[in-house]
Amino acid sequence: MNPKKTKEKQRINIKKIEKDEGRSVTFSKRLNGIYTKISELSILCGVEVAFIGYSCSGKPYTFGSPSFQAVAERFLNGEASSSSSSSLVMNAHKQAKIQELCKKYNRLVEELKVDEVKVKKAAALAETRVVNKDVWWKVDPNDVKDHEKAKKMMEKYQELYDKLCEQAASRIKRGHDENNNK
């Protein structure tokens, strides 16, 4: 008996591809296969077929036999003119896109309102706090005559700088993570 040298066809788990790039590559690779199968179905069974698919970016891809417009016309409103059926399909697509954009806009407006409230609260809190004018970070290091004091101040400046850099980096990372999760 000869052992198998290839793995032959393997079953894959059907689930959404998480990365946008991988999803678009898979879409473009499988699109011709879909067109071929639809064409074969049309020829072998003698049926009229229409296919419409939207890529991740929202670009429509259509295929029809004898034509997409003819099949859509027949499906939507009997034997009406082809321009009216294609315009119905395109209007439905435009309406769906407009609704999606309106939802995104409303969500952004709400986020902006929340951010404005946070800024106002922070400004009010800042006004209520009393700032000591003799705080060490407001002192110009060039005005300090004692070399040891100046050295300690520079160390404190460096610690403060490092801490601020860490906090800024964590906030930036958190912001990127939040945007990627939306």
N, C-alpha and C. Protein backbone atom coordinates (compact mmCIF):
# COMPACT_ATOMS: atom_id res chain seq x y z
N MET A 1 0.83 -1.19 0.00
CA MET A 1 0.00 0.00 0.00
C MET A 1 0.87 1.25 0.00
N ASN A 2 0.46 2.22 -0.80
CA ASN A 2 1.19 3.48 -0.87
C ASN A 2 0.65 4.46 0.17
N PRO A 3 1.49 4.99 1.05
CA PRO A 3 0.99 6.00 1.99
C PRO A 3 0.71 7.31 1.24
N LYS A 4 -0.24 8.10 1.76
CA LYS A 4 -0.57 9.38 1.14
C LYS A 4 0.58 10.35 1.30
N LYS A 5 0.91 11.04 0.20
CA LYS A 5 2.00 12.01 0.25
C LYS A 5 1.50 13.44 0.42
N THR A 6 0.21 13.66 0.17
CA THR A 6 -0.35 15.00 0.33
C THR A 6 -1.47 14.96 1.36
N LYS A 7 -1.83 16.12 1.81
CA LYS A 7 -2.90 16.21 2.80
C LYS A 7 -4.28 16.23 2.14
N GLU A 8 -4.32 16.36 0.81
CA GLU A 8 -5.56 16.48 0.05
C GLU A 8 -6.36 17.68 0.55
N LYS A 9 -7.65 17.66 0.29
CA LYS A 9 -8.49 18.78 0.74
C LYS A 9 -8.69 18.69 2.24
N GLN A 10 -8.61 19.83 2.89
CA GLN A 10 -8.84 19.87 4.33
C GLN A 10 -10.04 20.75 4.63
N ARG A 11 -10.73 20.40 5.65
CA ARG A 11 -11.87 21.19 6.09
C ARG A 11 -11.35 22.35 6.94
N ILE A 12 -11.88 23.54 6.67
CA ILE A 12 -11.48 24.70 7.47
C ILE A 12 -12.66 25.17 8.31
N ASN A 13 -12.35 25.76 9.43
CA ASN A 13 -13.40 26.34 10.26
C ASN A 13 -13.88 27.62 9.61
N ILE A 14 -15.18 27.74 9.45
CA ILE A 14 -15.75 28.95 8.87
C ILE A 14 -16.02 29.93 10.00
N LYS A 15 -15.24 30.98 10.02
CA LYS A 15 -15.44 32.04 11.00
C LYS A 15 -14.89 33.31 10.39
N LYS A 16 -15.29 34.44 10.92
CA LYS A 16 -14.88 35.73 10.38
C LYS A 16 -13.37 35.91 10.55
N ILE A 17 -12.73 36.37 9.51
CA ILE A 17 -11.30 36.67 9.56
C ILE A 17 -11.16 38.01 10.27
N GLU A 18 -10.36 38.05 11.33
CA GLU A 18 -10.28 39.24 12.18
C GLU A 18 -9.54 40.41 11.54
N LYS A 19 -8.45 40.14 10.83
CA LYS A 19 -7.64 41.22 10.26
C LYS A 19 -8.26 41.72 8.96
N ASP A 20 -8.37 43.05 8.82
CA ASP A 20 -8.97 43.64 7.63
C ASP A 20 -8.21 43.24 6.37
N GLU A 21 -6.89 43.25 6.44
CA GLU A 21 -6.07 42.94 5.26
C GLU A 21 -6.31 41.50 4.82
N GLY A 22 -6.31 40.59 5.76
CA GLY A 22 -6.55 39.18 5.43
C GLY A 22 -7.94 38.96 4.87
N ARG A 23 -8.91 39.69 5.41
CA ARG A 23 -10.28 39.57 4.95
C ARG A 23 -10.41 40.03 3.49
N SER A 24 -9.75 41.16 3.16
CA SER A 24 -9.85 41.67 1.79
C SER A 24 -9.10 40.77 0.81
N VAL A 25 -7.97 40.19 1.23
CA VAL A 25 -7.23 39.28 0.36
C VAL A 25 -8.07 38.03 0.09
N THR A 26 -8.67 37.47 1.12
CA THR A 26 -9.51 36.28 0.95
C THR A 26 -10.70 36.59 0.05
N PHE A 27 -11.30 37.77 0.23
CA PHE A 27 -12.44 38.17 -0.60
C PHE A 27 -12.03 38.22 -2.07
N SER A 28 -10.90 38.86 -2.37
CA SER A 28 -10.48 38.98 -3.76
C SER A 28 -10.11 37.62 -4.36
N LYS A 29 -9.53 36.73 -3.56
CA LYS A 29 -9.17 35.41 -4.06
C LYS A 29 -10.41 34.56 -4.34
N ARG A 30 -11.42 34.65 -3.49
CA ARG A 30 -12.60 33.80 -3.63
C ARG A 30 -13.64 34.35 -4.59
N LEU A 31 -13.51 35.63 -4.97
CA LEU A 31 -14.51 36.25 -5.83
C LEU A 31 -14.60 35.55 -7.18
N ASN A 32 -13.46 35.24 -7.80
CA ASN A 32 -13.49 34.54 -9.10
C ASN A 32 -14.11 33.16 -8.97
N GLY A 33 -13.86 32.48 -7.86
CA GLY A 33 -14.49 31.18 -7.64
C GLY A 33 -15.99 31.29 -7.54
N ILE A 34 -16.45 32.33 -6.88
CA ILE A 34 -17.90 32.55 -6.77
C ILE A 34 -18.49 32.82 -8.15
N TYR A 35 -17.83 33.68 -8.93
CA TYR A 35 -18.30 33.99 -10.28
C TYR A 35 -18.37 32.71 -11.13
N THR A 36 -17.36 31.86 -11.02
CA THR A 36 -17.33 30.62 -11.79
C THR A 36 -18.50 29.72 -11.41
N LYS A 37 -18.73 29.54 -10.11
CA LYS A 37 -19.82 28.67 -9.66
C LYS A 37 -21.18 29.22 -10.10
N ILE A 38 -21.36 30.53 -10.03
CA ILE A 38 -22.63 31.13 -10.44
C ILE A 38 -22.84 30.94 -11.94
N SER A 39 -21.77 31.11 -12.71
CA SER A 39 -21.85 30.93 -14.16
C SER A 39 -22.20 29.47 -14.50
N GLU A 40 -21.54 28.52 -13.82
CA GLU A 40 -21.84 27.10 -14.04
C GLU A 40 -23.29 26.78 -13.70
N LEU A 41 -23.78 27.32 -12.59
CA LEU A 41 -25.18 27.11 -12.19
C LEU A 41 -26.12 27.61 -13.26
N SER A 42 -25.83 28.77 -13.79
CA SER A 42 -26.67 29.37 -14.82
C SER A 42 -26.68 28.51 -16.08
N ILE A 43 -25.50 28.05 -16.52
CA ILE A 43 -25.40 27.26 -17.76
C ILE A 43 -26.01 25.88 -17.58
N LEU A 44 -25.65 25.19 -16.49
CA LEU A 44 -26.11 23.81 -16.29
C LEU A 44 -27.61 23.71 -16.04
N CYS A 45 -28.15 24.66 -15.31
CA CYS A 45 -29.56 24.58 -14.92
C CYS A 45 -30.47 25.46 -15.77
N GLY A 46 -29.86 26.33 -16.60
CA GLY A 46 -30.66 27.20 -17.45
C GLY A 46 -31.45 28.23 -16.67
N VAL A 47 -30.87 28.75 -15.61
CA VAL A 47 -31.56 29.73 -14.77
C VAL A 47 -30.92 31.09 -14.92
N GLU A 48 -31.69 32.10 -14.58
CA GLU A 48 -31.15 33.45 -14.53
C GLU A 48 -30.65 33.69 -13.11
N VAL A 49 -29.41 34.17 -12.99
CA VAL A 49 -28.78 34.32 -11.68
C VAL A 49 -28.23 35.73 -11.55
N ALA A 50 -28.38 36.29 -10.36
CA ALA A 50 -27.76 37.59 -10.05
C ALA A 50 -27.04 37.47 -8.71
N PHE A 51 -25.88 38.08 -8.63
CA PHE A 51 -25.07 38.06 -7.41
C PHE A 51 -24.60 39.47 -7.14
N ILE A 52 -24.72 39.90 -5.89
CA ILE A 52 -24.16 41.19 -5.49
C ILE A 52 -23.47 40.98 -4.15
N GLY A 53 -22.27 41.47 -4.05
CA GLY A 53 -21.50 41.38 -2.82
C GLY A 53 -20.78 42.69 -2.58
N TYR A 54 -20.64 43.06 -1.33
CA TYR A 54 -19.95 44.30 -0.98
C TYR A 54 -18.66 43.96 -0.25
N SER A 55 -17.57 44.58 -0.69
CA SER A 55 -16.29 44.35 -0.03
C SER A 55 -16.29 45.07 1.31
N CYS A 56 -15.22 44.89 2.09
CA CYS A 56 -15.10 45.55 3.39
C CYS A 56 -15.17 47.06 3.26
N SER A 57 -14.67 47.57 2.13
CA SER A 57 -14.66 49.02 1.92
C SER A 57 -16.00 49.53 1.40
N GLY A 58 -16.93 48.62 1.11
CA GLY A 58 -18.25 49.03 0.66
C GLY A 58 -18.40 49.04 -0.85
N LYS A 59 -17.40 48.59 -1.59
CA LYS A 59 -17.46 48.57 -3.04
C LYS A 59 -18.32 47.39 -3.48
N PRO A 60 -19.33 47.64 -4.35
CA PRO A 60 -20.19 46.54 -4.78
C PRO A 60 -19.57 45.74 -5.93
N TYR A 61 -19.76 44.42 -5.89
CA TYR A 61 -19.33 43.52 -6.96
C TYR A 61 -20.58 42.77 -7.41
N THR A 62 -20.85 42.79 -8.73
CA THR A 62 -22.06 42.15 -9.23
C THR A 62 -21.72 41.18 -10.34
N PHE A 63 -22.59 40.20 -10.49
CA PHE A 63 -22.50 39.24 -11.59
C PHE A 63 -23.91 38.81 -11.90
N GLY A 64 -24.23 38.66 -13.17
CA GLY A 64 -25.55 38.22 -13.54
C GLY A 64 -25.54 37.47 -14.84
N SER A 65 -26.49 36.59 -14.98
CA SER A 65 -26.64 35.89 -16.24
C SER A 65 -28.12 35.89 -16.56
N PRO A 66 -28.58 36.54 -17.59
CA PRO A 66 -27.85 37.17 -18.67
C PRO A 66 -27.16 38.48 -18.27
N SER A 67 -27.74 39.26 -17.36
CA SER A 67 -27.05 40.44 -16.80
C SER A 67 -27.65 40.69 -15.42
N PHE A 68 -26.87 41.35 -14.58
CA PHE A 68 -27.37 41.63 -13.23
C PHE A 68 -28.62 42.49 -13.29
N GLN A 69 -28.60 43.51 -14.14
CA GLN A 69 -29.73 44.43 -14.22
C GLN A 69 -31.01 43.71 -14.67
N ALA A 70 -30.87 42.82 -15.63
CA ALA A 70 -32.05 42.11 -16.13
C ALA A 70 -32.65 41.22 -15.04
N VAL A 71 -31.80 40.52 -14.30
CA VAL A 71 -32.30 39.64 -13.25
C VAL A 71 -32.89 40.46 -12.10
N ALA A 72 -32.22 41.55 -11.71
CA ALA A 72 -32.73 42.40 -10.64
C ALA A 72 -34.06 43.01 -11.03
N GLU A 73 -34.18 43.41 -12.29
CA GLU A 73 -35.45 43.98 -12.79
C GLU A 73 -36.56 42.95 -12.68
N ARG A 74 -36.28 41.75 -13.09
CA ARG A 74 -37.29 40.70 -13.04
C ARG A 74 -37.67 40.36 -11.61
N PHE A 75 -36.69 40.35 -10.73
CA PHE A 75 -36.93 40.02 -9.32
C PHE A 75 -37.72 41.12 -8.61
N LEU A 76 -37.32 42.37 -8.82
CA LEU A 76 -37.91 43.47 -8.07
C LEU A 76 -39.32 43.85 -8.53
N ASN A 77 -39.49 44.01 -9.84
CA ASN A 77 -40.81 44.49 -10.28
C ASN A 77 -41.20 43.93 -11.64
N GLY A 78 -41.10 42.68 -11.80
CA GLY A 78 -41.57 42.04 -13.03
C GLY A 78 -40.75 42.45 -14.23
N GLU A 79 -41.42 42.80 -15.31
CA GLU A 79 -40.74 43.11 -16.57
C GLU A 79 -40.60 44.62 -16.78
N ALA A 80 -40.27 45.39 -15.75
CA ALA A 80 -40.10 46.84 -15.87
C ALA A 80 -38.79 47.16 -16.56
N SER A 81 -38.56 48.43 -16.82
CA SER A 81 -37.33 48.83 -17.51
C SER A 81 -36.12 48.59 -16.63
N SER A 82 -34.99 48.28 -17.26
CA SER A 82 -33.79 47.94 -16.50
C SER A 82 -33.23 49.12 -15.73
N SER A 83 -33.42 50.33 -16.22
CA SER A 83 -32.86 51.49 -15.52
C SER A 83 -33.58 51.73 -14.20
N SER A 84 -34.89 51.43 -14.16
CA SER A 84 -35.61 51.66 -12.91
C SER A 84 -35.21 50.64 -11.84
N SER A 85 -34.99 49.38 -12.22
CA SER A 85 -34.62 48.38 -11.21
C SER A 85 -33.22 48.62 -10.69
N SER A 86 -32.29 48.96 -11.56
CA SER A 86 -30.93 49.22 -11.07
C SER A 86 -30.91 50.46 -10.19
N SER A 87 -31.75 51.44 -10.52
CA SER A 87 -31.79 52.62 -9.66
C SER A 87 -32.40 52.29 -8.31
N LEU A 88 -33.36 51.35 -8.27
CA LEU A 88 -33.92 50.92 -6.99
C LEU A 88 -32.87 50.26 -6.12
N VAL A 89 -32.05 49.40 -6.73
CA VAL A 89 -30.99 48.72 -5.99
C VAL A 89 -29.98 49.74 -5.47
N MET A 90 -29.58 50.66 -6.34
CA MET A 90 -28.59 51.66 -5.94
C MET A 90 -29.16 52.60 -4.87
N ASN A 91 -30.42 52.97 -4.97
CA ASN A 91 -31.04 53.83 -3.95
C ASN A 91 -31.11 53.11 -2.61
N ALA A 92 -31.41 51.83 -2.63
CA ALA A 92 -31.44 51.06 -1.38
C ALA A 92 -30.05 51.02 -0.76
N HIS A 93 -29.04 50.84 -1.59
CA HIS A 93 -27.66 50.82 -1.10
C HIS A 93 -27.29 52.19 -0.51
N LYS A 94 -27.65 53.26 -1.20
CA LYS A 94 -27.34 54.61 -0.72
C LYS A 94 -28.04 54.87 0.61
N GLN A 95 -29.30 54.46 0.72
CA GLN A 95 -30.03 54.66 1.98
C GLN A 95 -29.37 53.92 3.13
N ALA A 96 -28.92 52.69 2.88
CA ALA A 96 -28.25 51.91 3.93
C ALA A 96 -26.97 52.59 4.35
N LYS A 97 -26.20 53.10 3.40
CA LYS A 97 -24.95 53.80 3.72
C LYS A 97 -25.23 55.07 4.51
N ILE A 98 -26.25 55.81 4.11
CA ILE A 98 -26.60 57.06 4.81
C ILE A 98 -27.00 56.75 6.25
N GLN A 99 -27.78 55.70 6.46
CA GLN A 99 -28.17 55.33 7.82
C GLN A 99 -26.96 54.95 8.65
N GLU A 100 -26.03 54.20 8.06
CA GLU A 100 -24.82 53.80 8.77
C GLU A 100 -23.99 55.02 9.15
N LEU A 101 -23.84 55.95 8.23
CA LEU A 101 -23.07 57.17 8.50
C LEU A 101 -23.75 58.04 9.56
N CYS A 102 -25.07 58.08 9.54
CA CYS A 102 -25.81 58.85 10.57
C CYS A 102 -25.58 58.25 11.95
N LYS A 103 -25.59 56.93 12.05
CA LYS A 103 -25.33 56.28 13.34
C LYS A 103 -23.92 56.61 13.84
N LYS A 104 -22.94 56.54 12.94
CA LYS A 104 -21.56 56.87 13.32
C LYS A 104 -21.46 58.32 13.76
N TYR A 105 -22.11 59.22 13.03
CA TYR A 105 -22.09 60.64 13.36
C TYR A 105 -22.70 60.88 14.75
N ASN A 106 -23.86 60.28 15.00
CA ASN A 106 -24.52 60.45 16.30
C ASN A 106 -23.65 59.91 17.44
N ARG A 107 -22.98 58.78 17.22
CA ARG A 107 -22.10 58.22 18.25
C ARG A 107 -20.93 59.17 18.52
N LEU A 108 -20.36 59.75 17.46
CA LEU A 108 -19.26 60.69 17.64
C LEU A 108 -19.70 61.96 18.35
N VAL A 109 -20.90 62.43 18.05
CA VAL A 109 -21.43 63.62 18.73
C VAL A 109 -21.60 63.33 20.22
N GLU A 110 -22.11 62.15 20.55
CA GLU A 110 -22.27 61.78 21.96
C GLU A 110 -20.91 61.71 22.67
N GLU A 111 -19.92 61.10 22.00
CA GLU A 111 -18.58 61.03 22.58
C GLU A 111 -18.00 62.42 22.79
N LEU A 112 -18.25 63.32 21.85
CA LEU A 112 -17.76 64.69 21.96
C LEU A 112 -18.41 65.39 23.15
N LYS A 113 -19.71 65.19 23.35
CA LYS A 113 -20.39 65.79 24.49
C LYS A 113 -19.82 65.29 25.81
N VAL A 114 -19.54 63.97 25.88
CA VAL A 114 -18.95 63.40 27.09
C VAL A 114 -17.58 64.00 27.34
N ASP A 115 -16.78 64.14 26.27
CA ASP A 115 -15.45 64.73 26.41
C ASP A 115 -15.53 66.19 26.85
N GLU A 116 -16.49 66.94 26.33
CA GLU A 116 -16.65 68.34 26.72
C GLU A 116 -17.00 68.46 28.21
N VAL A 117 -17.85 67.56 28.68
CA VAL A 117 -18.22 67.56 30.10
C VAL A 117 -16.98 67.28 30.95
N LYS A 118 -16.16 66.31 30.52
CA LYS A 118 -14.94 65.98 31.25
C LYS A 118 -14.00 67.17 31.30
N VAL A 119 -13.86 67.88 30.18
CA VAL A 119 -12.98 69.05 30.13
C VAL A 119 -13.49 70.14 31.07
N LYS A 120 -14.80 70.37 31.07
CA LYS A 120 -15.37 71.41 31.95
C LYS A 120 -15.16 71.05 33.41
N LYS A 121 -15.33 69.77 33.76
CA LYS A 121 -15.11 69.34 35.14
C LYS A 121 -13.66 69.51 35.54
N ALA A 122 -12.75 69.16 34.64
CA ALA A 122 -11.33 69.30 34.94
C ALA A 122 -10.95 70.76 35.10
N ALA A 123 -11.50 71.65 34.27
CA ALA A 123 -11.21 73.07 34.38
C ALA A 123 -11.75 73.64 35.70
N ALA A 124 -12.95 73.22 36.08
CA ALA A 124 -13.53 73.67 37.34
C ALA A 124 -12.70 73.18 38.52
N LEU A 125 -12.24 71.96 38.45
CA LEU A 125 -11.42 71.39 39.51
C LEU A 125 -10.08 72.13 39.60
N ALA A 126 -9.52 72.45 38.46
CA ALA A 126 -8.24 73.16 38.43
C ALA A 126 -8.37 74.55 39.03
N GLU A 127 -9.49 75.20 38.81
CA GLU A 127 -9.69 76.54 39.36
C GLU A 127 -9.83 76.53 40.88
N THR A 128 -10.38 75.44 41.41
CA THR A 128 -10.60 75.37 42.85
C THR A 128 -9.32 75.06 43.62
N ARG A 129 -8.34 74.49 42.97
CA ARG A 129 -7.11 74.12 43.66
C ARG A 129 -6.20 75.33 43.82
N VAL A 130 -5.61 75.42 44.99
CA VAL A 130 -4.67 76.49 45.27
C VAL A 130 -3.27 75.99 44.92
N VAL A 131 -2.58 76.76 44.11
CA VAL A 131 -1.25 76.36 43.70
C VAL A 131 -0.23 77.15 44.51
N ASN A 132 0.65 76.44 45.14
CA ASN A 132 1.72 77.07 45.90
C ASN A 132 2.73 77.65 44.92
N LYS A 133 3.04 78.92 45.06
CA LYS A 133 3.94 79.57 44.10
C LYS A 133 5.39 79.16 44.32
N ASP A 134 5.69 78.52 45.42
CA ASP A 134 7.06 78.12 45.69
C ASP A 134 7.29 76.64 45.36
N VAL A 135 6.50 76.09 44.44
CA VAL A 135 6.68 74.69 44.09
C VAL A 135 7.99 74.53 43.34
N TRP A 136 8.63 73.39 43.52
CA TRP A 136 9.99 73.21 43.02
C TRP A 136 10.08 73.25 41.50
N TRP A 137 9.04 72.80 40.78
CA TRP A 137 9.16 72.76 39.33
C TRP A 137 9.03 74.12 38.67
N LYS A 138 8.60 75.14 39.44
CA LYS A 138 8.51 76.49 38.89
C LYS A 138 9.79 77.28 39.08
N VAL A 139 10.73 76.72 39.83
CA VAL A 139 11.99 77.41 40.08
C VAL A 139 12.93 77.17 38.89
N ASP A 140 13.53 78.24 38.40
CA ASP A 140 14.48 78.12 37.30
C ASP A 140 15.79 77.54 37.83
N PRO A 141 16.26 76.41 37.29
CA PRO A 141 17.50 75.79 37.78
C PRO A 141 18.71 76.71 37.67
N ASN A 142 18.68 77.64 36.75
CA ASN A 142 19.79 78.58 36.59
C ASN A 142 19.89 79.57 37.76
N ASP A 143 18.77 79.77 38.48
CA ASP A 143 18.76 80.69 39.62
C ASP A 143 19.29 80.03 40.89
N VAL A 144 19.39 78.71 40.90
CA VAL A 144 19.85 78.00 42.09
C VAL A 144 21.39 78.06 42.12
N LYS A 145 21.94 78.61 43.22
CA LYS A 145 23.39 78.79 43.32
C LYS A 145 24.07 77.54 43.90
N ASP A 146 23.38 76.83 44.75
CA ASP A 146 23.95 75.65 45.38
C ASP A 146 23.97 74.50 44.36
N HIS A 147 25.18 73.98 44.10
CA HIS A 147 25.36 72.94 43.09
C HIS A 147 24.58 71.66 43.45
N GLU A 148 24.59 71.26 44.71
CA GLU A 148 23.89 70.05 45.16
C GLU A 148 22.38 70.21 44.97
N LYS A 149 21.86 71.39 45.31
CA LYS A 149 20.42 71.65 45.16
C LYS A 149 20.03 71.58 43.69
N ALA A 150 20.87 72.17 42.83
CA ALA A 150 20.60 72.17 41.39
C ALA A 150 20.61 70.74 40.85
N LYS A 151 21.55 69.93 41.33
CA LYS A 151 21.65 68.55 40.89
C LYS A 151 20.40 67.76 41.29
N LYS A 152 19.92 67.97 42.53
CA LYS A 152 18.72 67.28 43.01
C LYS A 152 17.49 67.73 42.21
N MET A 153 17.46 69.03 41.90
CA MET A 153 16.33 69.53 41.10
C MET A 153 16.32 68.87 39.72
N MET A 154 17.48 68.75 39.12
CA MET A 154 17.58 68.12 37.80
C MET A 154 17.13 66.66 37.86
N GLU A 155 17.46 65.97 38.94
CA GLU A 155 17.01 64.59 39.11
C GLU A 155 15.49 64.54 39.23
N LYS A 156 14.92 65.49 39.98
CA LYS A 156 13.46 65.54 40.12
C LYS A 156 12.80 65.84 38.77
N TYR A 157 13.42 66.77 38.01
CA TYR A 157 12.89 67.06 36.67
C TYR A 157 12.90 65.80 35.81
N GLN A 158 13.98 65.06 35.87
CA GLN A 158 14.10 63.84 35.07
C GLN A 158 13.05 62.81 35.49
N GLU A 159 12.84 62.65 36.82
CA GLU A 159 11.81 61.72 37.31
C GLU A 159 10.43 62.15 36.83
N LEU A 160 10.15 63.46 36.93
CA LEU A 160 8.86 63.98 36.49
C LEU A 160 8.68 63.75 34.99
N TYR A 161 9.73 64.02 34.23
CA TYR A 161 9.68 63.83 32.79
C TYR A 161 9.41 62.36 32.45
N ASP A 162 10.12 61.44 33.09
CA ASP A 162 9.92 60.02 32.84
C ASP A 162 8.50 59.58 33.18
N LYS A 163 8.00 60.08 34.30
CA LYS A 163 6.65 59.72 34.72
C LYS A 163 5.61 60.24 33.72
N LEU A 164 5.80 61.48 33.27
CA LEU A 164 4.87 62.04 32.29
C LEU A 164 4.91 61.28 30.97
N CYS A 165 6.12 60.87 30.55
CA CYS A 165 6.25 60.08 29.32
C CYS A 165 5.53 58.75 29.44
N GLU A 166 5.66 58.09 30.58
CA GLU A 166 4.98 56.81 30.81
C GLU A 166 3.46 56.98 30.76
N GLN A 167 2.98 58.04 31.44
CA GLN A 167 1.54 58.27 31.45
C GLN A 167 1.02 58.60 30.06
N ALA A 168 1.75 59.42 29.33
CA ALA A 168 1.33 59.78 27.97
C ALA A 168 1.32 58.54 27.08
N ALA A 169 2.34 57.71 27.19
CA ALA A 169 2.40 56.49 26.37
C ALA A 169 1.24 55.56 26.71
N SER A 170 0.92 55.41 27.99
CA SER A 170 -0.19 54.52 28.35
C SER A 170 -1.52 55.08 27.87
N ARG A 171 -1.70 56.41 27.92
CA ARG A 171 -2.94 57.00 27.42
C ARG A 171 -3.06 56.85 25.91
N ILE A 172 -1.94 57.03 25.21
CA ILE A 172 -1.96 56.87 23.76
C ILE A 172 -2.30 55.43 23.41
N LYS A 173 -1.67 54.48 24.11
CA LYS A 173 -1.94 53.06 23.85
C LYS A 173 -3.40 52.73 24.15
N ARG A 174 -3.90 53.26 25.26
CA ARG A 174 -5.30 53.02 25.61
C ARG A 174 -6.22 53.60 24.56
N GLY A 175 -5.89 54.78 24.03
CA GLY A 175 -6.70 55.40 22.98
C GLY A 175 -6.68 54.59 21.71
N HIS A 176 -5.50 54.06 21.33
CA HIS A 176 -5.42 53.21 20.14
C HIS A 176 -6.22 51.93 20.34
N ASP A 177 -6.13 51.34 21.53
CA ASP A 177 -6.86 50.11 21.82
C ASP A 177 -8.35 50.35 21.74
N GLU A 178 -8.83 51.49 22.29
CA GLU A 178 -10.25 51.81 22.24
C GLU A 178 -10.70 52.01 20.81
N ASN A 179 -9.89 52.70 19.98
CA ASN A 179 -10.27 52.92 18.59
C ASN A 179 -10.29 51.63 17.79
N ASN A 180 -9.37 50.71 18.08
CA ASN A 180 -9.32 49.44 17.38
C ASN A 180 -10.48 48.54 17.76
N ASN A 181 -11.02 48.72 18.95
CA ASN A 181 -12.13 47.88 19.42
C ASN A 181 -13.48 48.34 18.91
N LYS A 182 -13.53 49.52 18.32
CA LYS A 182 -14.83 50.06 17.85
C LYS A 182 -15.22 49.46 16.54
